N, C-alpha and C. Protein backbone atom coordinates (compact mmCIF):
# COMPACT_ATOMS: atom_id res chain seq x y z
N UNK A 1 7.46 124.37 143.65
CA UNK A 1 7.94 123.27 142.82
C UNK A 1 7.89 123.71 141.36
N UNK A 2 8.91 123.36 140.62
CA UNK A 2 8.97 123.59 139.18
C UNK A 2 8.30 122.40 138.50
N UNK A 3 7.38 122.70 137.57
CA UNK A 3 6.63 121.65 136.87
C UNK A 3 6.83 121.83 135.37
N UNK A 4 7.30 120.78 134.71
CA UNK A 4 7.46 120.77 133.26
C UNK A 4 6.26 120.08 132.66
N UNK A 5 5.49 120.80 131.85
CA UNK A 5 4.31 120.23 131.20
C UNK A 5 4.73 119.61 129.88
N UNK A 6 5.37 118.46 129.97
CA UNK A 6 5.88 117.79 128.77
C UNK A 6 6.18 116.34 129.11
N UNK A 7 5.88 115.47 128.17
CA UNK A 7 6.23 114.06 128.32
C UNK A 7 7.54 113.73 127.63
N UNK A 8 8.19 114.73 127.04
CA UNK A 8 9.41 114.50 126.25
C UNK A 8 10.60 114.13 127.14
N UNK A 9 11.20 112.97 126.89
CA UNK A 9 12.40 112.60 127.66
C UNK A 9 13.57 113.55 127.37
N UNK A 10 13.65 114.08 126.16
CA UNK A 10 14.72 115.02 125.82
C UNK A 10 14.58 116.31 126.62
N UNK A 11 13.37 116.81 126.75
CA UNK A 11 13.17 118.04 127.53
C UNK A 11 13.51 117.81 129.00
N UNK A 12 13.13 116.68 129.53
CA UNK A 12 13.47 116.37 130.93
C UNK A 12 14.99 116.34 131.11
N UNK A 13 15.68 115.69 130.19
CA UNK A 13 17.15 115.60 130.24
C UNK A 13 17.77 117.00 130.19
N UNK A 14 17.28 117.85 129.31
CA UNK A 14 17.84 119.20 129.17
C UNK A 14 17.50 120.07 130.37
N UNK A 15 16.29 119.96 130.90
CA UNK A 15 15.92 120.77 132.05
C UNK A 15 16.78 120.42 133.26
N UNK A 16 17.19 119.16 133.37
CA UNK A 16 18.05 118.74 134.49
C UNK A 16 19.39 119.48 134.48
N UNK A 17 19.81 120.02 133.34
CA UNK A 17 21.06 120.77 133.26
C UNK A 17 21.00 122.05 134.09
N UNK A 18 19.79 122.59 134.27
CA UNK A 18 19.66 123.85 135.00
C UNK A 18 18.75 123.76 136.22
N UNK A 19 17.94 122.72 136.30
CA UNK A 19 17.01 122.57 137.43
C UNK A 19 16.96 121.09 137.81
N UNK A 20 17.84 120.66 138.70
CA UNK A 20 17.88 119.23 139.03
C UNK A 20 16.60 118.68 139.65
N UNK A 21 15.80 119.57 140.27
CA UNK A 21 14.56 119.10 140.91
C UNK A 21 13.35 119.74 140.24
N UNK A 22 12.54 118.91 139.64
CA UNK A 22 11.29 119.36 139.03
C UNK A 22 10.40 118.13 138.85
N UNK A 23 9.16 118.39 138.54
CA UNK A 23 8.23 117.32 138.24
C UNK A 23 7.76 117.48 136.81
N UNK A 24 7.68 116.39 136.07
CA UNK A 24 7.17 116.42 134.70
C UNK A 24 5.77 115.82 134.68
N UNK A 25 4.86 116.51 134.00
CA UNK A 25 3.50 115.98 133.85
C UNK A 25 3.14 116.01 132.36
N UNK A 26 2.33 115.06 131.96
CA UNK A 26 1.84 115.02 130.58
C UNK A 26 0.42 115.55 130.56
N UNK A 27 0.11 116.28 129.51
CA UNK A 27 -1.23 116.86 129.36
C UNK A 27 -1.91 116.28 128.14
N UNK A 28 -3.21 116.25 128.18
CA UNK A 28 -4.00 115.83 127.02
C UNK A 28 -4.54 117.10 126.37
N UNK A 29 -3.75 117.67 125.46
CA UNK A 29 -4.09 118.94 124.82
C UNK A 29 -4.26 118.71 123.33
N UNK A 30 -5.31 119.24 122.74
CA UNK A 30 -5.54 119.12 121.30
C UNK A 30 -4.72 120.19 120.58
N UNK A 31 -3.47 119.84 120.26
CA UNK A 31 -2.57 120.80 119.62
C UNK A 31 -3.04 121.19 118.22
N UNK A 32 -3.78 120.30 117.56
CA UNK A 32 -4.29 120.58 116.22
C UNK A 32 -5.32 121.70 116.19
N UNK A 33 -5.89 122.03 117.34
CA UNK A 33 -6.89 123.10 117.41
C UNK A 33 -6.25 124.48 117.53
N UNK A 34 -4.93 124.53 117.68
CA UNK A 34 -4.23 125.81 117.85
C UNK A 34 -3.57 126.19 116.54
N UNK A 35 -3.83 127.42 116.10
CA UNK A 35 -3.32 127.88 114.81
C UNK A 35 -2.67 129.25 114.98
N UNK A 36 -1.75 129.56 114.05
CA UNK A 36 -1.09 130.87 114.05
C UNK A 36 -0.62 131.16 112.63
N UNK A 37 -0.25 132.42 112.41
CA UNK A 37 0.16 132.85 111.07
C UNK A 37 1.55 132.38 110.68
N UNK A 38 2.43 132.13 111.67
CA UNK A 38 3.79 131.72 111.38
C UNK A 38 4.17 130.56 112.29
N UNK A 39 5.17 129.76 111.91
CA UNK A 39 5.62 128.69 112.79
C UNK A 39 6.11 129.20 114.15
N UNK A 40 6.80 130.34 114.17
CA UNK A 40 7.28 130.89 115.44
C UNK A 40 6.10 131.30 116.33
N UNK A 41 5.09 131.90 115.74
CA UNK A 41 3.90 132.28 116.52
C UNK A 41 3.16 131.03 117.00
N UNK A 42 3.19 129.98 116.20
CA UNK A 42 2.52 128.74 116.58
C UNK A 42 3.16 128.13 117.83
N UNK A 43 4.50 128.05 117.88
CA UNK A 43 5.13 127.45 119.07
C UNK A 43 4.90 128.32 120.30
N UNK A 44 4.82 129.62 120.11
CA UNK A 44 4.53 130.50 121.24
C UNK A 44 3.14 130.21 121.79
N UNK A 45 2.15 130.06 120.90
CA UNK A 45 0.78 129.75 121.33
C UNK A 45 0.67 128.37 121.96
N UNK A 46 1.36 127.38 121.36
CA UNK A 46 1.31 126.03 121.90
C UNK A 46 1.95 125.96 123.28
N UNK A 47 3.09 126.62 123.45
CA UNK A 47 3.75 126.65 124.76
C UNK A 47 2.86 127.31 125.80
N UNK A 48 2.21 128.41 125.41
CA UNK A 48 1.31 129.11 126.34
C UNK A 48 0.12 128.22 126.71
N UNK A 49 -0.45 127.53 125.73
CA UNK A 49 -1.60 126.65 126.02
C UNK A 49 -1.20 125.54 126.99
N UNK A 50 -0.02 124.97 126.81
CA UNK A 50 0.45 123.91 127.71
C UNK A 50 0.70 124.47 129.11
N UNK A 51 1.33 125.64 129.18
CA UNK A 51 1.59 126.25 130.49
C UNK A 51 0.28 126.60 131.20
N UNK A 52 -0.68 127.14 130.47
CA UNK A 52 -1.97 127.50 131.07
C UNK A 52 -2.69 126.27 131.59
N UNK A 53 -2.66 125.18 130.81
CA UNK A 53 -3.31 123.94 131.25
C UNK A 53 -2.63 123.39 132.50
N UNK A 54 -1.32 123.44 132.54
CA UNK A 54 -0.59 122.96 133.72
C UNK A 54 -0.82 123.87 134.92
N UNK A 55 -0.87 125.18 134.69
CA UNK A 55 -1.10 126.13 135.78
C UNK A 55 -2.49 125.93 136.40
N UNK A 56 -3.46 125.54 135.58
CA UNK A 56 -4.80 125.27 136.11
C UNK A 56 -4.77 124.06 137.04
N UNK A 57 -3.92 123.09 136.75
CA UNK A 57 -3.79 121.90 137.59
C UNK A 57 -2.89 122.12 138.80
N UNK A 58 -1.90 123.01 138.62
CA UNK A 58 -0.89 123.24 139.67
C UNK A 58 -0.72 124.73 139.92
N UNK A 59 -1.74 125.42 140.44
CA UNK A 59 -1.70 126.88 140.58
C UNK A 59 -0.64 127.42 141.54
N UNK A 60 -0.15 126.61 142.45
CA UNK A 60 0.84 127.08 143.43
C UNK A 60 2.27 126.91 142.92
N UNK A 61 2.44 126.30 141.75
CA UNK A 61 3.77 125.98 141.25
C UNK A 61 4.19 126.88 140.09
N UNK A 62 5.46 126.87 139.78
CA UNK A 62 6.00 127.50 138.58
C UNK A 62 5.94 126.44 137.49
N UNK A 63 5.15 126.68 136.46
CA UNK A 63 4.96 125.69 135.40
C UNK A 63 5.59 126.16 134.09
N UNK A 64 6.09 125.19 133.34
CA UNK A 64 6.69 125.46 132.03
C UNK A 64 5.94 124.70 130.96
N UNK A 65 5.56 125.40 129.90
CA UNK A 65 5.00 124.77 128.71
C UNK A 65 5.97 125.00 127.57
N UNK A 66 6.18 123.99 126.73
CA UNK A 66 7.16 124.09 125.65
C UNK A 66 6.62 123.41 124.40
N UNK A 67 7.08 123.88 123.25
CA UNK A 67 6.78 123.20 122.00
C UNK A 67 7.87 123.54 120.98
N UNK A 68 8.17 122.60 120.09
CA UNK A 68 9.19 122.78 119.07
C UNK A 68 8.64 122.38 117.72
N UNK A 69 8.93 123.19 116.70
CA UNK A 69 8.58 122.82 115.32
C UNK A 69 9.76 123.10 114.40
N UNK A 70 9.79 122.36 113.31
CA UNK A 70 10.72 122.60 112.22
C UNK A 70 9.98 123.46 111.20
N UNK A 71 10.64 124.51 110.75
CA UNK A 71 10.06 125.49 109.83
C UNK A 71 10.86 125.43 108.53
N UNK A 72 10.25 124.91 107.48
CA UNK A 72 10.88 124.87 106.16
C UNK A 72 10.12 125.82 105.25
N UNK A 73 10.70 126.97 105.04
CA UNK A 73 10.10 128.00 104.18
C UNK A 73 8.69 128.38 104.64
N UNK A 74 8.48 128.43 105.94
CA UNK A 74 7.18 128.84 106.48
C UNK A 74 6.21 127.70 106.69
N UNK A 75 6.57 126.49 106.25
CA UNK A 75 5.71 125.31 106.46
C UNK A 75 6.19 124.57 107.69
N UNK A 76 5.26 124.17 108.53
CA UNK A 76 5.58 123.45 109.76
C UNK A 76 5.75 121.96 109.46
N UNK A 77 6.89 121.43 109.90
CA UNK A 77 7.12 119.98 109.85
C UNK A 77 7.07 119.51 111.30
N UNK A 78 6.01 118.82 111.63
CA UNK A 78 5.86 118.31 112.99
C UNK A 78 6.46 116.92 113.11
N UNK A 79 5.88 116.12 113.98
CA UNK A 79 6.34 114.74 114.14
C UNK A 79 5.75 113.90 113.02
N UNK A 80 6.54 113.03 112.40
CA UNK A 80 6.02 112.22 111.30
C UNK A 80 4.94 111.24 111.77
N UNK A 81 3.95 111.06 110.90
CA UNK A 81 2.85 110.14 111.21
C UNK A 81 3.26 108.69 110.96
N UNK A 82 4.14 108.50 109.95
CA UNK A 82 4.58 107.15 109.58
C UNK A 82 5.88 107.28 108.77
N UNK A 83 6.37 106.15 108.26
CA UNK A 83 7.64 106.15 107.53
C UNK A 83 7.57 107.00 106.26
N UNK A 84 6.45 106.95 105.57
CA UNK A 84 6.32 107.75 104.34
C UNK A 84 6.37 109.24 104.66
N UNK A 85 5.74 109.63 105.75
CA UNK A 85 5.76 111.04 106.16
C UNK A 85 7.16 111.46 106.58
N UNK A 86 7.87 110.61 107.32
CA UNK A 86 9.25 110.91 107.71
C UNK A 86 10.13 111.04 106.48
N UNK A 87 9.97 110.14 105.51
CA UNK A 87 10.76 110.20 104.27
C UNK A 87 10.48 111.50 103.52
N UNK A 88 9.23 111.89 103.46
CA UNK A 88 8.86 113.14 102.79
C UNK A 88 9.56 114.33 103.44
N UNK A 89 9.52 114.38 104.77
CA UNK A 89 10.15 115.48 105.50
C UNK A 89 11.66 115.51 105.27
N UNK A 90 12.30 114.36 105.40
CA UNK A 90 13.75 114.31 105.28
C UNK A 90 14.21 114.62 103.86
N UNK A 91 13.45 114.19 102.86
CA UNK A 91 13.77 114.56 101.47
C UNK A 91 13.66 116.08 101.30
N UNK A 92 12.66 116.68 101.92
CA UNK A 92 12.47 118.14 101.81
C UNK A 92 13.61 118.89 102.50
N UNK A 93 14.14 118.35 103.60
CA UNK A 93 15.23 118.99 104.34
C UNK A 93 16.59 118.76 103.68
N UNK A 94 16.73 117.72 102.91
CA UNK A 94 18.00 117.32 102.31
C UNK A 94 18.61 118.44 101.47
N UNK A 95 19.87 118.78 101.78
CA UNK A 95 20.61 119.77 101.01
C UNK A 95 20.16 121.20 101.24
N UNK A 96 19.44 121.45 102.30
CA UNK A 96 18.87 122.78 102.55
C UNK A 96 19.04 123.19 104.00
N UNK A 97 18.80 124.44 104.24
CA UNK A 97 18.74 124.97 105.61
C UNK A 97 17.28 125.14 106.00
N UNK A 98 17.03 125.02 107.28
CA UNK A 98 15.68 125.26 107.80
C UNK A 98 15.82 125.86 109.19
N UNK A 99 14.71 126.27 109.76
CA UNK A 99 14.68 126.85 111.10
C UNK A 99 14.00 125.90 112.07
N UNK A 100 14.48 125.92 113.29
CA UNK A 100 13.82 125.19 114.38
C UNK A 100 13.42 126.24 115.41
N UNK A 101 12.13 126.29 115.73
CA UNK A 101 11.61 127.23 116.72
C UNK A 101 11.14 126.45 117.94
N UNK A 102 11.54 126.92 119.11
CA UNK A 102 11.00 126.37 120.35
C UNK A 102 10.38 127.52 121.14
N UNK A 103 9.13 127.33 121.52
CA UNK A 103 8.45 128.28 122.39
C UNK A 103 8.47 127.76 123.81
N UNK A 104 8.68 128.67 124.75
CA UNK A 104 8.64 128.33 126.17
C UNK A 104 7.79 129.38 126.87
N UNK A 105 6.87 128.93 127.70
CA UNK A 105 6.05 129.83 128.50
C UNK A 105 6.12 129.36 129.95
N UNK A 106 6.41 130.30 130.84
CA UNK A 106 6.48 130.00 132.28
C UNK A 106 5.41 130.82 132.99
N UNK A 107 4.68 130.16 133.88
CA UNK A 107 3.63 130.83 134.65
C UNK A 107 3.81 130.48 136.12
N UNK A 108 3.80 131.53 136.94
CA UNK A 108 3.82 131.36 138.39
C UNK A 108 2.85 132.37 138.97
N UNK A 109 1.70 131.88 139.43
CA UNK A 109 0.67 132.79 139.93
C UNK A 109 0.23 133.74 138.83
N UNK A 110 0.36 135.06 139.09
CA UNK A 110 -0.03 136.06 138.11
C UNK A 110 1.12 136.45 137.18
N UNK A 111 2.31 135.93 137.45
CA UNK A 111 3.48 136.27 136.63
C UNK A 111 3.62 135.28 135.47
N UNK A 112 3.90 135.86 134.32
CA UNK A 112 4.00 135.04 133.11
C UNK A 112 5.12 135.59 132.24
N UNK A 113 5.95 134.70 131.71
CA UNK A 113 7.02 135.08 130.79
C UNK A 113 7.05 134.06 129.66
N UNK A 114 7.39 134.54 128.46
CA UNK A 114 7.50 133.61 127.34
C UNK A 114 8.64 134.03 126.43
N UNK A 115 9.09 133.06 125.66
CA UNK A 115 10.15 133.31 124.69
C UNK A 115 10.01 132.33 123.53
N UNK A 116 10.57 132.74 122.40
CA UNK A 116 10.71 131.84 121.26
C UNK A 116 12.17 131.91 120.83
N UNK A 117 12.82 130.78 120.81
CA UNK A 117 14.22 130.66 120.37
C UNK A 117 14.23 130.03 118.98
N UNK A 118 15.06 130.58 118.09
CA UNK A 118 15.15 130.07 116.72
C UNK A 118 16.59 129.71 116.39
N UNK A 119 16.77 128.55 115.81
CA UNK A 119 18.09 128.06 115.38
C UNK A 119 18.00 127.67 113.92
N UNK A 120 19.02 128.02 113.15
CA UNK A 120 19.09 127.63 111.74
C UNK A 120 19.93 126.36 111.63
N UNK A 121 19.38 125.36 110.96
CA UNK A 121 20.03 124.06 110.82
C UNK A 121 20.29 123.79 109.34
N UNK A 122 21.51 123.38 109.03
CA UNK A 122 21.90 123.07 107.66
C UNK A 122 22.01 121.56 107.49
N UNK A 123 21.36 121.02 106.46
CA UNK A 123 21.43 119.59 106.16
C UNK A 123 22.26 119.40 104.89
N UNK A 124 23.13 118.38 104.90
CA UNK A 124 23.77 117.93 103.68
C UNK A 124 22.73 117.19 102.85
N UNK A 125 23.08 116.89 101.61
CA UNK A 125 22.21 116.05 100.79
C UNK A 125 22.20 114.65 101.40
N UNK A 126 21.02 114.06 101.44
CA UNK A 126 20.86 112.71 101.97
C UNK A 126 20.51 111.81 100.80
N UNK A 127 21.34 110.79 100.55
CA UNK A 127 21.07 109.87 99.45
C UNK A 127 19.88 108.98 99.82
N UNK A 128 19.30 108.34 98.82
CA UNK A 128 18.19 107.43 99.07
C UNK A 128 18.64 106.25 99.94
N UNK A 129 19.89 105.83 99.75
CA UNK A 129 20.43 104.74 100.58
C UNK A 129 20.54 105.18 102.04
N UNK A 130 21.05 106.39 102.26
CA UNK A 130 21.16 106.93 103.62
C UNK A 130 19.77 107.12 104.24
N UNK A 131 18.84 107.60 103.43
CA UNK A 131 17.48 107.80 103.91
C UNK A 131 16.85 106.48 104.35
N UNK A 132 17.00 105.44 103.52
CA UNK A 132 16.44 104.13 103.87
C UNK A 132 17.07 103.61 105.15
N UNK A 133 18.39 103.77 105.29
CA UNK A 133 19.06 103.34 106.52
C UNK A 133 18.51 104.10 107.72
N UNK A 134 18.42 105.45 107.61
CA UNK A 134 17.96 106.26 108.74
C UNK A 134 16.54 105.89 109.14
N UNK A 135 15.69 105.68 108.16
CA UNK A 135 14.30 105.30 108.45
C UNK A 135 14.21 103.92 109.10
N UNK A 136 15.24 103.08 108.92
CA UNK A 136 15.23 101.75 109.55
C UNK A 136 15.60 101.82 111.03
N UNK A 137 16.07 102.98 111.49
CA UNK A 137 16.39 103.15 112.91
C UNK A 137 15.14 103.61 113.65
N UNK A 138 15.21 103.66 114.96
CA UNK A 138 14.08 104.15 115.75
C UNK A 138 14.06 105.67 115.87
N UNK A 139 15.07 106.32 115.32
CA UNK A 139 15.27 107.74 115.61
C UNK A 139 14.23 108.72 115.04
N UNK A 140 13.74 108.55 113.82
CA UNK A 140 12.87 109.60 113.27
C UNK A 140 11.54 109.81 113.98
N UNK A 141 11.11 108.85 114.76
CA UNK A 141 9.77 108.90 115.34
C UNK A 141 9.72 109.82 116.55
N UNK A 142 8.62 110.50 116.69
CA UNK A 142 8.36 111.38 117.83
C UNK A 142 9.31 112.57 117.89
N UNK A 143 9.77 113.02 116.71
CA UNK A 143 10.66 114.18 116.66
C UNK A 143 10.22 115.11 115.54
N UNK A 144 10.14 116.38 115.83
CA UNK A 144 9.77 117.37 114.80
C UNK A 144 10.74 117.26 113.63
N UNK A 145 10.21 117.20 112.44
CA UNK A 145 11.03 117.10 111.24
C UNK A 145 11.55 115.70 110.98
N UNK A 146 11.32 114.77 111.90
CA UNK A 146 11.74 113.39 111.71
C UNK A 146 13.21 113.14 111.94
N UNK A 147 13.89 114.01 112.70
CA UNK A 147 15.31 113.76 112.96
C UNK A 147 15.70 114.22 114.36
N UNK A 148 16.83 113.67 114.84
CA UNK A 148 17.39 114.05 116.13
C UNK A 148 18.81 114.55 115.91
N UNK A 149 19.02 115.84 116.14
CA UNK A 149 20.34 116.45 115.94
C UNK A 149 21.38 115.79 116.85
N UNK A 150 20.96 115.32 118.03
CA UNK A 150 21.88 114.74 119.00
C UNK A 150 22.12 113.25 118.75
N UNK A 151 21.51 112.71 117.72
CA UNK A 151 21.62 111.28 117.46
C UNK A 151 22.28 110.99 116.12
N UNK A 152 21.78 109.97 115.48
CA UNK A 152 22.37 109.50 114.22
C UNK A 152 22.26 110.52 113.09
N UNK A 153 21.29 111.41 113.15
CA UNK A 153 21.14 112.44 112.11
C UNK A 153 22.27 113.46 112.15
N UNK A 154 23.08 113.45 113.21
CA UNK A 154 24.21 114.38 113.29
C UNK A 154 25.12 114.26 112.07
N UNK A 155 25.18 113.08 111.47
CA UNK A 155 26.03 112.88 110.28
C UNK A 155 25.54 113.67 109.08
N UNK A 156 24.30 114.13 109.09
CA UNK A 156 23.75 114.90 107.97
C UNK A 156 23.78 116.40 108.21
N UNK A 157 24.21 116.84 109.39
CA UNK A 157 24.10 118.24 109.79
C UNK A 157 25.51 118.83 109.97
N UNK A 158 26.02 119.53 108.94
CA UNK A 158 27.37 120.06 109.03
C UNK A 158 27.50 121.26 109.95
N UNK A 159 26.40 122.01 110.14
CA UNK A 159 26.48 123.17 111.04
C UNK A 159 25.09 123.66 111.41
N UNK A 160 25.09 124.43 112.49
CA UNK A 160 23.88 125.13 112.91
C UNK A 160 24.28 126.56 113.26
N UNK A 161 23.31 127.43 113.25
CA UNK A 161 23.49 128.81 113.72
C UNK A 161 22.49 129.04 114.83
N UNK A 162 23.00 129.16 116.05
CA UNK A 162 22.11 129.37 117.19
C UNK A 162 22.31 128.29 118.23
N UNK A 163 21.30 128.13 119.05
CA UNK A 163 21.36 127.23 120.20
C UNK A 163 21.15 125.77 119.79
N UNK A 164 22.16 124.96 120.04
CA UNK A 164 22.09 123.52 119.75
C UNK A 164 20.97 122.86 120.55
N UNK A 165 20.88 123.17 121.85
CA UNK A 165 19.86 122.55 122.69
C UNK A 165 18.45 122.89 122.23
N UNK A 166 18.29 124.05 121.60
CA UNK A 166 17.00 124.42 121.05
C UNK A 166 16.52 123.40 120.03
N UNK A 167 17.44 122.90 119.21
CA UNK A 167 17.08 121.92 118.19
C UNK A 167 16.65 120.61 118.84
N UNK A 168 17.18 120.33 120.01
CA UNK A 168 16.78 119.14 120.76
C UNK A 168 15.41 119.33 121.44
N UNK A 169 14.97 120.59 121.60
CA UNK A 169 13.64 120.83 122.16
C UNK A 169 13.56 121.75 123.35
N UNK A 170 14.71 122.29 123.82
CA UNK A 170 14.66 123.21 124.95
C UNK A 170 15.87 124.13 124.91
N UNK A 171 15.67 125.43 124.74
CA UNK A 171 16.79 126.38 124.70
C UNK A 171 17.33 126.63 126.12
N UNK A 172 18.30 125.85 126.51
CA UNK A 172 18.76 125.80 127.90
C UNK A 172 19.19 127.16 128.43
N UNK A 173 20.07 127.87 127.73
CA UNK A 173 20.58 129.15 128.24
C UNK A 173 19.47 130.19 128.37
N UNK A 174 18.61 130.27 127.37
CA UNK A 174 17.50 131.23 127.43
C UNK A 174 16.53 130.87 128.56
N UNK A 175 16.27 129.58 128.74
CA UNK A 175 15.38 129.16 129.82
C UNK A 175 16.02 129.43 131.18
N UNK A 176 17.32 129.24 131.31
CA UNK A 176 18.01 129.54 132.56
C UNK A 176 17.82 131.01 132.93
N UNK A 177 17.97 131.90 131.95
CA UNK A 177 17.74 133.33 132.21
C UNK A 177 16.29 133.59 132.62
N UNK A 178 15.36 132.92 131.97
CA UNK A 178 13.94 133.09 132.30
C UNK A 178 13.66 132.61 133.72
N UNK A 179 14.16 131.45 134.07
CA UNK A 179 13.94 130.92 135.42
C UNK A 179 14.60 131.81 136.47
N UNK A 180 15.75 132.37 136.14
CA UNK A 180 16.43 133.30 137.06
C UNK A 180 15.56 134.51 137.36
N UNK A 181 14.82 134.96 136.35
CA UNK A 181 13.92 136.10 136.53
C UNK A 181 12.79 135.76 137.52
N UNK A 182 12.47 134.47 137.63
CA UNK A 182 11.47 134.02 138.60
C UNK A 182 12.08 133.73 139.96
N UNK A 183 13.40 133.90 140.07
CA UNK A 183 14.09 133.62 141.32
C UNK A 183 14.52 132.18 141.47
N UNK A 184 14.43 131.41 140.38
CA UNK A 184 14.87 130.00 140.38
C UNK A 184 16.34 129.95 140.01
N UNK A 185 17.14 129.26 140.77
CA UNK A 185 18.58 129.09 140.44
C UNK A 185 18.92 127.63 140.51
């Protein structure tokens, strides 16, 4: 059985594109205790920690751990704590490019594979009126950087370089290749 160690509805939706049958489990992991020198290294460590925790619970299964962060000049923008934090993040992203890193770690028995996918996202300038409107929606919450590329924030994103699905939280094509290496089709 394929097990996704994530409570994210977006990840479940994306995983269904390549693996119609899997089980999703949520873990109680202290992500704040995990540190790394770069945002890309951080998502790799977080994905591995989630996969290891899931593998301990489900040793007979192929488990996936994933994590996504927004990287603005080397600073990690995670999920906003409140409206002021979301506004701070979106003002920082306004009129600039940033990177989105997603780490994925797969473990099946003694076999382990991991990857980090990076996508460059360009934001137009966001006016204070647009920012206030966006913050009045439900969208900024529970999303790295306080935005959803697949939702209303699409109006602020003129282009990306790299995997679109990665910005949503799961690099579908790269994960498909990884799962194929495990014999999953």
